[in-house]
C-alpha cells in the first residue's frame, strides 16, 4: 500500500472516530452518562491509534491506545480517564526523549565513523 493511501485511510478513520467523541463532549451530562464507557473504550482509543500512527508511527500508536484502554478499563471511567490522560502525556515525553537520544546516537556514530575514515 502506498503511503499516501495509508495516510488517507487513517485520516478518514480518525475523523469518523472523533465525531462520536464530540457528540459525547457537547451533549447534556445526563445523556452523556449512557455513552461514557463505550466512548472511552472504543472511539477514543481508535482516535488515539490513528492519530498517533500518523504522527509517531505504529509502535507508539499501539502503546498509546493500549495504555488508554487498560487504564480506563481497570481503574474505572472516572479515575481511569485522568490516569489515561496522564499516560498519554508520558508517552509524548518518552517519545521526545527517545528521539533526542536516537538523534545523538546517530550523530555520534556518523561522527565516529568519519573520524575513523580520516584516521586511516
PDB file of N, CA and C in Angstrom:
ATOM      1  N   UNK A   1       0.843  -1.167   0.000  1.00  0.00           N
ATOM      2  CA  UNK A   1       0.000   0.000   0.000  1.00  0.00           C
ATOM      3  C   UNK A   1       0.893   1.236   0.000  1.00  0.00           C
ATOM      4  N   UNK A   2       0.541   2.203  -0.825  1.00  0.00           N
ATOM      5  CA  UNK A   2       1.325   3.423  -0.901  1.00  0.00           C
ATOM      6  C   UNK A   2       1.116   4.248   0.372  1.00  0.00           C
ATOM      7  N   UNK A   3       2.136   4.994   0.780  1.00  0.00           N
ATOM      8  CA  UNK A   3       1.993   5.816   1.985  1.00  0.00           C
ATOM      9  C   UNK A   3       0.848   6.833   1.895  1.00  0.00           C
ATOM     10  N   UNK A   4       0.620   7.381   0.720  1.00  0.00           N
ATOM     11  CA  UNK A   4      -0.459   8.356   0.586  1.00  0.00           C
ATOM     12  C   UNK A   4      -1.827   7.705   0.796  1.00  0.00           C
ATOM     13  N   UNK A   5      -1.998   6.486   0.328  1.00  0.00           N
ATOM     14  CA  UNK A   5      -3.257   5.764   0.527  1.00  0.00           C
ATOM     15  C   UNK A   5      -3.466   5.445   2.000  1.00  0.00           C
ATOM     16  N   UNK A   6      -2.404   4.994   2.662  1.00  0.00           N
ATOM     17  CA  UNK A   6      -2.492   4.686   4.093  1.00  0.00           C
ATOM     18  C   UNK A   6      -2.839   5.946   4.887  1.00  0.00           C
ATOM     19  N   UNK A   7      -2.238   7.066   4.534  1.00  0.00           N
ATOM     20  CA  UNK A   7      -2.489   8.323   5.231  1.00  0.00           C
ATOM     21  C   UNK A   7      -3.941   8.762   5.061  1.00  0.00           C
ATOM     22  N   UNK A   8      -4.494   8.615   3.865  1.00  0.00           N
ATOM     23  CA  UNK A   8      -5.893   8.991   3.625  1.00  0.00           C
ATOM     24  C   UNK A   8      -6.830   8.102   4.430  1.00  0.00           C
ATOM     25  N   UNK A   9      -6.563   6.805   4.451  1.00  0.00           N
ATOM     26  CA  UNK A   9      -7.401   5.874   5.229  1.00  0.00           C
ATOM     27  C   UNK A   9      -7.341   6.216   6.711  1.00  0.00           C
ATOM     28  N   UNK A  10      -6.139   6.472   7.225  1.00  0.00           N
ATOM     29  CA  UNK A  10      -6.003   6.816   8.645  1.00  0.00           C
ATOM     30  C   UNK A  10      -6.711   8.127   8.966  1.00  0.00           C
ATOM     31  N   UNK A  11      -6.626   9.102   8.092  1.00  0.00           N
ATOM     32  CA  UNK A  11      -7.306  10.381   8.329  1.00  0.00           C
ATOM     33  C   UNK A  11      -8.814  10.210   8.384  1.00  0.00           C
ATOM     34  N   UNK A  12      -9.356   9.443   7.442  1.00  0.00           N
ATOM     35  CA  UNK A  12     -10.809   9.235   7.412  1.00  0.00           C
ATOM     36  C   UNK A  12     -11.273   8.498   8.667  1.00  0.00           C
ATOM     37  N   UNK A  13     -10.581   7.441   9.041  1.00  0.00           N
ATOM     38  CA  UNK A  13     -10.947   6.687  10.253  1.00  0.00           C
ATOM     39  C   UNK A  13     -10.827   7.581  11.480  1.00  0.00           C
ATOM     40  N   UNK A  14      -9.787   8.392  11.533  1.00  0.00           N
ATOM     41  CA  UNK A  14      -9.579   9.303  12.661  1.00  0.00           C
ATOM     42  C   UNK A  14     -10.743  10.293  12.765  1.00  0.00           C
ATOM     43  N   UNK A  15     -11.115  10.893  11.647  1.00  0.00           N
ATOM     44  CA  UNK A  15     -12.211  11.866  11.666  1.00  0.00           C
ATOM     45  C   UNK A  15     -13.550  11.218  12.011  1.00  0.00           C
ATOM     46  N   UNK A  16     -13.795  10.029  11.499  1.00  0.00           N
ATOM     47  CA  UNK A  16     -15.047   9.330  11.818  1.00  0.00           C
ATOM     48  C   UNK A  16     -15.085   8.936  13.291  1.00  0.00           C
ATOM     49  N   UNK A  17     -13.951   8.554  13.863  1.00  0.00           N
ATOM     50  CA  UNK A  17     -13.904   8.161  15.277  1.00  0.00           C
ATOM     51  C   UNK A  17     -14.079   9.359  16.208  1.00  0.00           C
ATOM     52  N   UNK A  18     -13.699  10.535  15.761  1.00  0.00           N
ATOM     53  CA  UNK A  18     -13.792  11.712  16.620  1.00  0.00           C
ATOM     54  C   UNK A  18     -15.214  12.281  16.651  1.00  0.00           C
ATOM     55  N   UNK A  19     -16.020  12.022  15.649  1.00  0.00           N
ATOM     56  CA  UNK A  19     -17.388  12.563  15.605  1.00  0.00           C
ATOM     57  C   UNK A  19     -18.212  12.134  16.829  1.00  0.00           C
ATOM     58  N   UNK A  20     -18.247  10.850  17.205  1.00  0.00           N
ATOM     59  CA  UNK A  20     -18.994  10.481  18.421  1.00  0.00           C
ATOM     60  C   UNK A  20     -18.391  11.062  19.697  1.00  0.00           C
ATOM     61  N   UNK A  21     -17.085  11.262  19.707  1.00  0.00           N
ATOM     62  CA  UNK A  21     -16.447  11.860  20.886  1.00  0.00           C
ATOM     63  C   UNK A  21     -16.923  13.298  21.046  1.00  0.00           C
ATOM     64  N   UNK A  22     -17.013  14.036  19.953  1.00  0.00           N
ATOM     65  CA  UNK A  22     -17.524  15.404  20.023  1.00  0.00           C
ATOM     66  C   UNK A  22     -18.972  15.429  20.495  1.00  0.00           C
ATOM     67  N   UNK A  23     -19.772  14.494  20.012  1.00  0.00           N
ATOM     68  CA  UNK A  23     -21.152  14.397  20.482  1.00  0.00           C
ATOM     69  C   UNK A  23     -21.219  14.095  21.966  1.00  0.00           C
ATOM     70  N   UNK A  24     -20.328  13.241  22.438  1.00  0.00           N
ATOM     71  CA  UNK A  24     -20.271  12.895  23.854  1.00  0.00           C
ATOM     72  C   UNK A  24     -19.896  14.112  24.697  1.00  0.00           C
ATOM     73  N   UNK A  25     -18.958  14.893  24.215  1.00  0.00           N
ATOM     74  CA  UNK A  25     -18.473  16.052  24.976  1.00  0.00           C
ATOM     75  C   UNK A  25     -19.529  17.149  25.048  1.00  0.00           C
ATOM     76  N   UNK A  26     -20.259  17.374  23.958  1.00  0.00           N
ATOM     77  CA  UNK A  26     -21.160  18.514  23.895  1.00  0.00           C
ATOM     78  C   UNK A  26     -22.618  18.206  24.201  1.00  0.00           C
ATOM     79  N   UNK A  27     -22.955  16.985  24.603  1.00  0.00           N
ATOM     80  CA  UNK A  27     -24.336  16.709  24.969  1.00  0.00           C
ATOM     81  C   UNK A  27     -24.525  16.898  26.470  1.00  0.00           C
ATOM     82  N   UNK A  28     -25.770  17.009  26.917  1.00  0.00           N
ATOM     83  CA  UNK A  28     -26.023  17.171  28.356  1.00  0.00           C
ATOM     84  C   UNK A  28     -25.453  16.004  29.162  1.00  0.00           C
ATOM     85  N   UNK A  29     -25.078  16.300  30.392  1.00  0.00           N
ATOM     86  CA  UNK A  29     -24.410  15.306  31.241  1.00  0.00           C
ATOM     87  C   UNK A  29     -25.283  14.081  31.464  1.00  0.00           C
ATOM     88  N   UNK A  30     -26.572  14.257  31.622  1.00  0.00           N
ATOM     89  CA  UNK A  30     -27.471  13.118  31.861  1.00  0.00           C
ATOM     90  C   UNK A  30     -27.457  12.148  30.687  1.00  0.00           C
ATOM     91  N   UNK A  31     -27.410  12.674  29.465  1.00  0.00           N
ATOM     92  CA  UNK A  31     -27.380  11.814  28.288  1.00  0.00           C
ATOM     93  C   UNK A  31     -25.982  11.234  28.059  1.00  0.00           C
ATOM     94  N   UNK A  32     -24.967  11.977  28.414  1.00  0.00           N
ATOM     95  CA  UNK A  32     -23.590  11.540  28.174  1.00  0.00           C
ATOM     96  C   UNK A  32     -23.220  10.336  29.027  1.00  0.00           C
ATOM     97  N   UNK A  33     -23.843  10.211  30.182  1.00  0.00           N
ATOM     98  CA  UNK A  33     -23.513   9.098  31.076  1.00  0.00           C
ATOM     99  C   UNK A  33     -23.812   7.750  30.437  1.00  0.00           C
ATOM    100  N   UNK A  34     -24.831   7.702  29.568  1.00  0.00           N
ATOM    101  CA  UNK A  34     -25.174   6.448  28.903  1.00  0.00           C
ATOM    102  C   UNK A  34     -24.062   5.966  27.973  1.00  0.00           C
ATOM    103  N   UNK A  35     -23.365   6.893  27.346  1.00  0.00           N
ATOM    104  CA  UNK A  35     -22.377   6.557  26.326  1.00  0.00           C
ATOM    105  C   UNK A  35     -20.932   6.672  26.809  1.00  0.00           C
ATOM    106  N   UNK A  36     -20.754   7.005  28.071  1.00  0.00           N
ATOM    107  CA  UNK A  36     -19.414   7.279  28.588  1.00  0.00           C
ATOM    108  C   UNK A  36     -18.474   6.092  28.435  1.00  0.00           C
ATOM    109  N   UNK A  37     -18.863   4.954  28.908  1.00  0.00           N
ATOM    110  CA  UNK A  37     -17.988   3.769  28.885  1.00  0.00           C
ATOM    111  C   UNK A  37     -17.643   3.356  27.452  1.00  0.00           C
ATOM    112  N   UNK A  38     -18.643   3.324  26.586  1.00  0.00           N
ATOM    113  CA  UNK A  38     -18.410   2.919  25.198  1.00  0.00           C
ATOM    114  C   UNK A  38     -17.499   3.921  24.485  1.00  0.00           C
ATOM    115  N   UNK A  39     -17.719   5.193  24.724  1.00  0.00           N
ATOM    116  CA  UNK A  39     -16.889   6.226  24.091  1.00  0.00           C
ATOM    117  C   UNK A  39     -15.452   6.118  24.563  1.00  0.00           C
ATOM    118  N   UNK A  40     -15.265   5.921  25.863  1.00  0.00           N
ATOM    119  CA  UNK A  40     -13.908   5.851  26.409  1.00  0.00           C
ATOM    120  C   UNK A  40     -13.180   4.573  26.022  1.00  0.00           C
ATOM    121  N   UNK A  41     -13.902   3.503  25.743  1.00  0.00           N
ATOM    122  CA  UNK A  41     -13.243   2.234  25.426  1.00  0.00           C
ATOM    123  C   UNK A  41     -13.190   1.905  23.933  1.00  0.00           C
ATOM    124  N   UNK A  42     -13.928   2.655  23.102  1.00  0.00           N
ATOM    125  CA  UNK A  42     -13.926   2.360  21.669  1.00  0.00           C
ATOM    126  C   UNK A  42     -13.471   3.557  20.843  1.00  0.00           C
ATOM    127  N   UNK A  43     -14.232   4.638  20.893  1.00  0.00           N
ATOM    128  CA  UNK A  43     -13.969   5.747  19.976  1.00  0.00           C
ATOM    129  C   UNK A  43     -12.679   6.510  20.311  1.00  0.00           C
ATOM    130  N   UNK A  44     -12.432   6.780  21.574  1.00  0.00           N
ATOM    131  CA  UNK A  44     -11.199   7.495  21.936  1.00  0.00           C
ATOM    132  C   UNK A  44      -9.962   6.655  21.611  1.00  0.00           C
ATOM    133  N   UNK A  45      -9.917   5.353  21.943  1.00  0.00           N
ATOM    134  CA  UNK A  45      -8.742   4.571  21.543  1.00  0.00           C
ATOM    135  C   UNK A  45      -8.533   4.492  20.035  1.00  0.00           C
ATOM    136  N   UNK A  46      -9.614   4.423  19.259  1.00  0.00           N
ATOM    137  CA  UNK A  46      -9.463   4.400  17.798  1.00  0.00           C
ATOM    138  C   UNK A  46      -8.883   5.724  17.316  1.00  0.00           C
ATOM    139  N   UNK A  47      -9.359   6.836  17.880  1.00  0.00           N
ATOM    140  CA  UNK A  47      -8.822   8.145  17.513  1.00  0.00           C
ATOM    141  C   UNK A  47      -7.350   8.260  17.926  1.00  0.00           C
ATOM    142  N   UNK A  48      -7.006   7.754  19.096  1.00  0.00           N
ATOM    143  CA  UNK A  48      -5.610   7.769  19.549  1.00  0.00           C
ATOM    144  C   UNK A  48      -4.755   6.903  18.623  1.00  0.00           C
ATOM    145  N   UNK A  49      -5.242   5.718  18.310  1.00  0.00           N
ATOM    146  CA  UNK A  49      -4.484   4.804  17.458  1.00  0.00           C
ATOM    147  C   UNK A  49      -4.187   5.426  16.102  1.00  0.00           C
ATOM    148  N   UNK A  50      -5.211   5.953  15.445  1.00  0.00           N
ATOM    149  CA  UNK A  50      -4.990   6.508  14.115  1.00  0.00           C
ATOM    150  C   UNK A  50      -4.192   7.803  14.162  1.00  0.00           C
ATOM    151  N   UNK A  51      -4.450   8.637  15.158  1.00  0.00           N
ATOM    152  CA  UNK A  51      -3.715   9.898  15.265  1.00  0.00           C
ATOM    153  C   UNK A  51      -2.241   9.681  15.552  1.00  0.00           C
ATOM    154  N   UNK A  52      -1.940   8.823  16.519  1.00  0.00           N
ATOM    155  CA  UNK A  52      -0.537   8.539  16.841  1.00  0.00           C
ATOM    156  C   UNK A  52       0.149   7.824  15.689  1.00  0.00           C
ATOM    157  N   UNK A  53      -0.572   6.963  15.005  1.00  0.00           N
ATOM    158  CA  UNK A  53       0.016   6.225  13.876  1.00  0.00           C
ATOM    159  C   UNK A  53       0.461   7.201  12.792  1.00  0.00           C
ATOM    160  N   UNK A  54      -0.371   8.217  12.523  1.00  0.00           N
ATOM    161  CA  UNK A  54       0.015   9.214  11.527  1.00  0.00           C
ATOM    162  C   UNK A  54       1.172  10.077  12.010  1.00  0.00           C
ATOM    163  N   UNK A  55       1.202  10.392  13.301  1.00  0.00           N
ATOM    164  CA  UNK A  55       2.181  11.331  13.831  1.00  0.00           C
ATOM    165  C   UNK A  55       3.480  10.660  14.288  1.00  0.00           C
ATOM    166  N   UNK A  56       3.352   9.537  15.001  1.00  0.00           N
ATOM    167  CA  UNK A  56       4.514   8.931  15.637  1.00  0.00           C
ATOM    168  C   UNK A  56       4.900   7.566  15.105  1.00  0.00           C
ATOM    169  N   UNK A  57       3.998   6.877  14.461  1.00  0.00           N
ATOM    170  CA  UNK A  57       4.287   5.538  13.985  1.00  0.00           C
ATOM    171  C   UNK A  57       3.446   4.491  14.702  1.00  0.00           C
ATOM    172  N   UNK A  58       3.498   3.282  14.181  1.00  0.00           N
ATOM    173  CA  UNK A  58       2.632   2.208  14.636  1.00  0.00           C
ATOM    174  C   UNK A  58       2.911   1.768  16.074  1.00  0.00           C
ATOM    175  N   UNK A  59       4.179   1.650  16.441  1.00  0.00           N
ATOM    176  CA  UNK A  59       4.523   1.171  17.795  1.00  0.00           C
ATOM    177  C   UNK A  59       4.012   2.134  18.856  1.00  0.00           C
ATOM    178  N   UNK A  60       4.230   3.424  18.653  1.00  0.00           N
ATOM    179  CA  UNK A  60       3.764   4.417  19.615  1.00  0.00           C
ATOM    180  C   UNK A  60       2.236   4.463  19.630  1.00  0.00           C
ATOM    181  N   UNK A  61       1.610   4.218  18.488  1.00  0.00           N
ATOM    182  CA  UNK A  61       0.148   4.197  18.425  1.00  0.00           C
ATOM    183  C   UNK A  61      -0.414   3.049  19.262  1.00  0.00           C
ATOM    184  N   UNK A  62       0.195   1.892  19.152  1.00  0.00           N
ATOM    185  CA  UNK A  62      -0.243   0.744  19.954  1.00  0.00           C
ATOM    186  C   UNK A  62      -0.041   1.027  21.441  1.00  0.00           C
ATOM    187  N   UNK A  63       1.095   1.599  21.800  1.00  0.00           N
ATOM    188  CA  UNK A  63       1.340   1.948  23.208  1.00  0.00           C
ATOM    189  C   UNK A  63       0.295   2.930  23.725  1.00  0.00           C
ATOM    190  N   UNK A  64      -0.019   3.931  22.929  1.00  0.00           N
ATOM    191  CA  UNK A  64      -0.993   4.935  23.351  1.00  0.00           C
ATOM    192  C   UNK A  64      -2.388   4.364  23.512  1.00  0.00           C
ATOM    193  N   UNK A  65      -2.850   3.636  22.519  1.00  0.00           N
ATOM    194  CA  UNK A  65      -4.204   3.077  22.573  1.00  0.00           C
ATOM    195  C   UNK A  65      -4.319   2.010  23.661  1.00  0.00           C
ATOM    196  N   UNK A  66      -3.307   1.155  23.771  1.00  0.00           N
ATOM    197  CA  UNK A  66      -3.355   0.089  24.786  1.00  0.00           C
ATOM    198  C   UNK A  66      -3.323   0.669  26.198  1.00  0.00           C
ATOM    199  N   UNK A  67      -2.498   1.675  26.420  1.00  0.00           N
ATOM    200  CA  UNK A  67      -2.457   2.282  27.764  1.00  0.00           C
ATOM    201  C   UNK A  67      -3.781   2.959  28.079  1.00  0.00           C
ATOM    202  N   UNK A  68      -4.390   3.614  27.091  1.00  0.00           N
ATOM    203  CA  UNK A  68      -5.682   4.254  27.323  1.00  0.00           C
ATOM    204  C   UNK A  68      -6.737   3.220  27.714  1.00  0.00           C
ATOM    205  N   UNK A  69      -6.841   2.146  26.934  1.00  0.00           N
ATOM    206  CA  UNK A  69      -7.861   1.129  27.205  1.00  0.00           C
ATOM    207  C   UNK A  69      -7.610   0.455  28.547  1.00  0.00           C
ATOM    208  N   UNK A  70      -6.370   0.094  28.820  1.00  0.00           N
ATOM    209  CA  UNK A  70      -6.060  -0.610  30.066  1.00  0.00           C
ATOM    210  C   UNK A  70      -6.371   0.255  31.286  1.00  0.00           C
ATOM    211  N   UNK A  71      -5.915   1.495  31.276  1.00  0.00           N
ATOM    212  CA  UNK A  71      -6.150   2.356  32.436  1.00  0.00           C
ATOM    213  C   UNK A  71      -7.630   2.697  32.605  1.00  0.00           C
ATOM    214  N   UNK A  72      -8.319   2.951  31.520  1.00  0.00           N
ATOM    215  CA  UNK A  72      -9.747   3.269  31.612  1.00  0.00           C
ATOM    216  C   UNK A  72     -10.555   2.053  32.065  1.00  0.00           C
ATOM    217  N   UNK A  73     -10.190   0.885  31.570  1.00  0.00           N
ATOM    218  CA  UNK A  73     -10.943  -0.328  31.919  1.00  0.00           C
ATOM    219  C   UNK A  73     -10.690  -0.750  33.364  1.00  0.00           C
ATOM    220  N   UNK A  74      -9.420  -0.804  33.764  1.00  0.00           N
ATOM    221  CA  UNK A  74      -9.101  -1.352  35.082  1.00  0.00           C
ATOM    222  C   UNK A  74      -9.295  -0.361  36.226  1.00  0.00           C
ATOM    223  N   UNK A  75      -9.191   0.938  35.951  1.00  0.00           N
ATOM    224  CA  UNK A  75      -9.370   1.919  37.027  1.00  0.00           C
ATOM    225  C   UNK A  75     -10.756   2.551  37.036  1.00  0.00           C
ATOM    226  N   UNK A  76     -11.577   2.217  36.065  1.00  0.00           N
ATOM    227  CA  UNK A  76     -12.929   2.762  36.006  1.00  0.00           C
ATOM    228  C   UNK A  76     -12.978   4.015  35.154  1.00  0.00           C
ATOM    229  N   UNK A  77     -14.186   4.390  34.737  1.00  0.00           N
ATOM    230  CA  UNK A  77     -14.314   5.512  33.805  1.00  0.00           C
ATOM    231  C   UNK A  77     -13.936   6.861  34.400  1.00  0.00           C
ATOM    232  N   UNK A  78     -14.123   7.059  35.697  1.00  0.00           N
ATOM    233  CA  UNK A  78     -13.810   8.361  36.294  1.00  0.00           C
ATOM    234  C   UNK A  78     -12.322   8.483  36.610  1.00  0.00           C
ATOM    235  N   UNK A  79     -11.804   7.597  37.402  1.00  0.00           N
ATOM    236  CA  UNK A  79     -10.397   7.643  37.792  1.00  0.00           C
ATOM    237  C   UNK A  79      -9.493   7.305  36.623  1.00  0.00           C
ATOM    238  N   UNK A  80      -9.880   6.303  35.857  1.00  0.00           N
ATOM    239  CA  UNK A  80      -9.062   5.856  34.742  1.00  0.00           C
ATOM    240  C   UNK A  80      -8.865   6.913  33.681  1.00  0.00           C
ATOM    241  N   UNK A  81      -9.868   7.778  33.493  1.00  0.00           N
ATOM    242  CA  UNK A  81      -9.754   8.823  32.481  1.00  0.00           C
ATOM    243  C   UNK A  81      -8.591   9.758  32.792  1.00  0.00           C
ATOM    244  N   UNK A  82      -8.473  10.180  34.039  1.00  0.00           N
ATOM    245  CA  UNK A  82      -7.375  11.076  34.434  1.00  0.00           C
ATOM    246  C   UNK A  82      -6.018  10.423  34.276  1.00  0.00           C
ATOM    247  N   UNK A  83      -5.897   9.189  34.744  1.00  0.00           N
ATOM    248  CA  UNK A  83      -4.621   8.480  34.622  1.00  0.00           C
ATOM    249  C   UNK A  83      -4.291   8.166  33.159  1.00  0.00           C
ATOM    250  N   UNK A  84      -5.311   7.861  32.371  1.00  0.00           N
ATOM    251  CA  UNK A  84      -5.080   7.588  30.951  1.00  0.00           C
ATOM    252  C   UNK A  84      -4.601   8.847  30.234  1.00  0.00           C
ATOM    253  N   UNK A  85      -5.149   9.984  30.607  1.00  0.00           N
ATOM    254  CA  UNK A  85      -4.703  11.252  30.032  1.00  0.00           C
ATOM    255  C   UNK A  85      -3.256  11.545  30.413  1.00  0.00           C
ATOM    256  N   UNK A  86      -2.904  11.304  31.661  1.00  0.00           N
ATOM    257  CA  UNK A  86      -1.513  11.480  32.093  1.00  0.00           C
ATOM    258  C   UNK A  86      -0.577  10.500  31.387  1.00  0.00           C
ATOM    259  N   UNK A  87      -1.051   9.306  31.128  1.00  0.00           N
ATOM    260  CA  UNK A  87      -0.242   8.321  30.405  1.00  0.00           C
ATOM    261  C   UNK A  87       0.052   8.785  28.987  1.00  0.00           C
ATOM    262  N   UNK A  88      -0.912   9.464  28.359  1.00  0.00           N
ATOM    263  CA  UNK A  88      -0.684   9.979  27.007  1.00  0.00           C
ATOM    264  C   UNK A  88       0.395  11.061  27.018  1.00  0.00           C
ATOM    265  N   UNK A  89       0.377  11.898  28.039  1.00  0.00           N
ATOM    266  CA  UNK A  89       1.425  12.917  28.176  1.00  0.00           C
ATOM    267  C   UNK A  89       2.773  12.242  28.389  1.00  0.00           C
ATOM    268  N   UNK A  90       2.798  11.204  29.218  1.00  0.00           N
ATOM    269  CA  UNK A  90       4.050  10.475  29.461  1.00  0.00           C
ATOM    270  C   UNK A  90       4.568   9.827  28.178  1.00  0.00           C
ATOM    271  N   UNK A  91       3.674   9.337  27.340  1.00  0.00           N
ATOM    272  CA  UNK A  91       4.092   8.742  26.064  1.00  0.00           C
ATOM    273  C   UNK A  91       4.723   9.793  25.158  1.00  0.00           C
ATOM    274  N   UNK A  92       4.139  10.984  25.118  1.00  0.00           N
ATOM    275  CA  UNK A  92       4.722  12.049  24.307  1.00  0.00           C
ATOM    276  C   UNK A  92       6.100  12.447  24.830  1.00  0.00           C
ATOM    277  N   UNK A  93       6.246  12.531  26.156  1.00  0.00           N
ATOM    278  CA  UNK A  93       7.547  12.869  26.738  1.00  0.00           C
ATOM    279  C   UNK A  93       8.554  11.760  26.459  1.00  0.00           C
ATOM    280  N   UNK A  94       8.143  10.504  26.599  1.00  0.00           N
ATOM    281  CA  UNK A  94       9.046   9.381  26.327  1.00  0.00           C
ATOM    282  C   UNK A  94       9.492   9.382  24.876  1.00  0.00           C
ATOM    283  N   UNK A  95       8.583   9.675  23.966  1.00  0.00           N
ATOM    284  CA  UNK A  95       8.957   9.729  22.548  1.00  0.00           C
ATOM    285  C   UNK A  95       9.914  10.876  22.278  1.00  0.00           C
ATOM    286  N   UNK A  96       9.689  12.018  22.925  1.00  0.00           N
ATOM    287  CA  UNK A  96      10.575  13.163  22.752  1.00  0.00           C
ATOM    288  C   UNK A  96      11.989  12.817  23.221  1.00  0.00           C
ATOM    289  N   UNK A  97      12.093  12.200  24.391  1.00  0.00           N
ATOM    290  CA  UNK A  97      13.405  11.802  24.921  1.00  0.00           C
ATOM    291  C   UNK A  97      14.033  10.757  24.017  1.00  0.00           C
ATOM    292  N   UNK A  98      13.244   9.778  23.562  1.00  0.00           N
ATOM    293  CA  UNK A  98      13.764   8.729  22.682  1.00  0.00           C
ATOM    294  C   UNK A  98      14.294   9.325  21.391  1.00  0.00           C
ATOM    295  N   UNK A  99      13.562  10.278  20.814  1.00  0.00           N
ATOM    296  CA  UNK A  99      14.011  10.905  19.567  1.00  0.00           C
ATOM    297  C   UNK A  99      15.315  11.680  19.786  1.00  0.00           C
ATOM    298  N   UNK A 100      15.421  12.391  20.908  1.00  0.00           N
ATOM    299  CA  UNK A 100      16.649  13.144  21.199  1.00  0.00           C
ATOM    300  C   UNK A 100      17.830  12.188  21.392  1.00  0.00           C
ATOM    301  N   UNK A 101      17.613  11.107  22.113  1.00  0.00           N
ATOM    302  CA  UNK A 101      18.687  10.135  22.347  1.00  0.00           C
ATOM    303  C   UNK A 101      19.077   9.456  21.034  1.00  0.00           C
ATOM    304  N   UNK A 102      18.102   9.132  20.225  1.00  0.00           N
ATOM    305  CA  UNK A 102      18.353   8.477  18.944  1.00  0.00           C
ATOM    306  C   UNK A 102      19.122   9.404  18.013  1.00  0.00           C
ATOM    307  N   UNK A 103      18.782  10.684  18.037  1.00  0.00           N
ATOM    308  CA  UNK A 103      19.461  11.653  17.190  1.00  0.00           C
ATOM    309  C   UNK A 103      20.919  11.816  17.627  1.00  0.00           C
ATOM    310  N   UNK A 104      21.153  11.868  18.949  1.00  0.00           N
ATOM    311  CA  UNK A 104      22.520  11.990  19.455  1.00  0.00           C
ATOM    312  C   UNK A 104      23.336  10.748  19.116  1.00  0.00           C
ATOM    313  N   UNK A 105      22.743   9.577  19.251  1.00  0.00           N
ATOM    314  CA  UNK A 105      23.444   8.329  18.946  1.00  0.00           C
ATOM    315  C   UNK A 105      23.793   8.259  17.469  1.00  0.00           C
ATOM    316  N   UNK A 106      22.853   8.628  16.616  1.00  0.00           N
ATOM    317  CA  UNK A 106      23.108   8.599  15.181  1.00  0.00           C
ATOM    318  C   UNK A 106      24.181   9.608  14.798  1.00  0.00           C
ATOM    319  N   UNK A 107      24.158  10.776  15.431  1.00  0.00           N
ATOM    320  CA  UNK A 107      25.164  11.792  15.133  1.00  0.00           C
ATOM    321  C   UNK A 107      26.541  11.349  15.605  1.00  0.00           C
ATOM    322  N   UNK A 108      26.625  10.728  16.777  1.00  0.00           N
ATOM    323  CA  UNK A 108      27.920  10.285  17.279  1.00  0.00           C
ATOM    324  C   UNK A 108      28.472   9.127  16.450  1.00  0.00           C
ATOM    325  N   UNK A 109      27.596   8.250  15.976  1.00  0.00           N
ATOM    326  CA  UNK A 109      28.043   7.152  15.121  1.00  0.00           C
ATOM    327  C   UNK A 109      28.543   7.701  13.803  1.00  0.00           C
ATOM    328  N   UNK A 110      27.824   8.657  13.241  1.00  0.00           N
ATOM    329  CA  UNK A 110      28.256   9.253  11.970  1.00  0.00           C
ATOM    330  C   UNK A 110      29.567  10.015  12.151  1.00  0.00           C
ATOM    331  N   UNK A 111      29.692  10.729  13.246  1.00  0.00           N
ATOM    332  CA  UNK A 111      30.935  11.475  13.501  1.00  0.00           C
ATOM    333  C   UNK A 111      32.076  10.517  13.789  1.00  0.00           C
ATOM    334  N   UNK A 112      31.787   9.455  14.521  1.00  0.00           N
ATOM    335  CA  UNK A 112      32.827   8.476  14.847  1.00  0.00           C
ATOM    336  C   UNK A 112      33.313   7.732  13.616  1.00  0.00           C
ATOM    337  N   UNK A 113      32.404   7.398  12.718  1.00  0.00           N
ATOM    338  CA  UNK A 113      32.820   6.675  11.525  1.00  0.00           C
ATOM    339  C   UNK A 113      33.583   7.573  10.575  1.00  0.00           C
ATOM    340  N   UNK A 114      33.254   8.868  10.528  1.00  0.00           N
ATOM    341  CA  UNK A 114      34.004   9.765   9.646  1.00  0.00           C
ATOM    342  C   UNK A 114      35.391  10.025  10.229  1.00  0.00           C
ATOM    343  N   UNK A 115      35.509  10.052  11.553  1.00  0.00           N
ATOM    344  CA  UNK A 115      36.830  10.236  12.163  1.00  0.00           C
ATOM    345  C   UNK A 115      37.699   9.012  11.872  1.00  0.00           C
ATOM    346  N   UNK A 116      37.113   7.823  11.972  1.00  0.00           N
ATOM    347  CA  UNK A 116      37.857   6.619  11.678  1.00  0.00           C
ATOM    348  C   UNK A 116      38.341   6.601  10.228  1.00  0.00           C
ATOM    349  N   UNK A 117      37.513   7.082   9.321  1.00  0.00           N
ATOM    350  CA  UNK A 117      37.909   7.137   7.913  1.00  0.00           C
ATOM    351  C   UNK A 117      39.067   8.096   7.719  1.00  0.00           C
ATOM    352  N   UNK A 118      39.035   9.205   8.451  1.00  0.00           N
ATOM    353  CA  UNK A 118      40.102  10.196   8.322  1.00  0.00           C
ATOM    354  C   UNK A 118      41.403   9.679   8.940  1.00  0.00           C
ATOM    355  N   UNK A 119      41.287   8.888   9.997  1.00  0.00           N
ATOM    356  CA  UNK A 119      42.486   8.387  10.655  1.00  0.00           C
ATOM    357  C   UNK A 119      43.203   7.334   9.801  1.00  0.00           C
ATOM    358  N   UNK A 120      42.456   6.644   8.972  1.00  0.00           N
ATOM    359  CA  UNK A 120      43.066   5.622   8.126  1.00  0.00           C
ATOM    360  C   UNK A 120      43.854   6.311   7.077  1.00  0.00           C
TER     361      UNK A 120
END
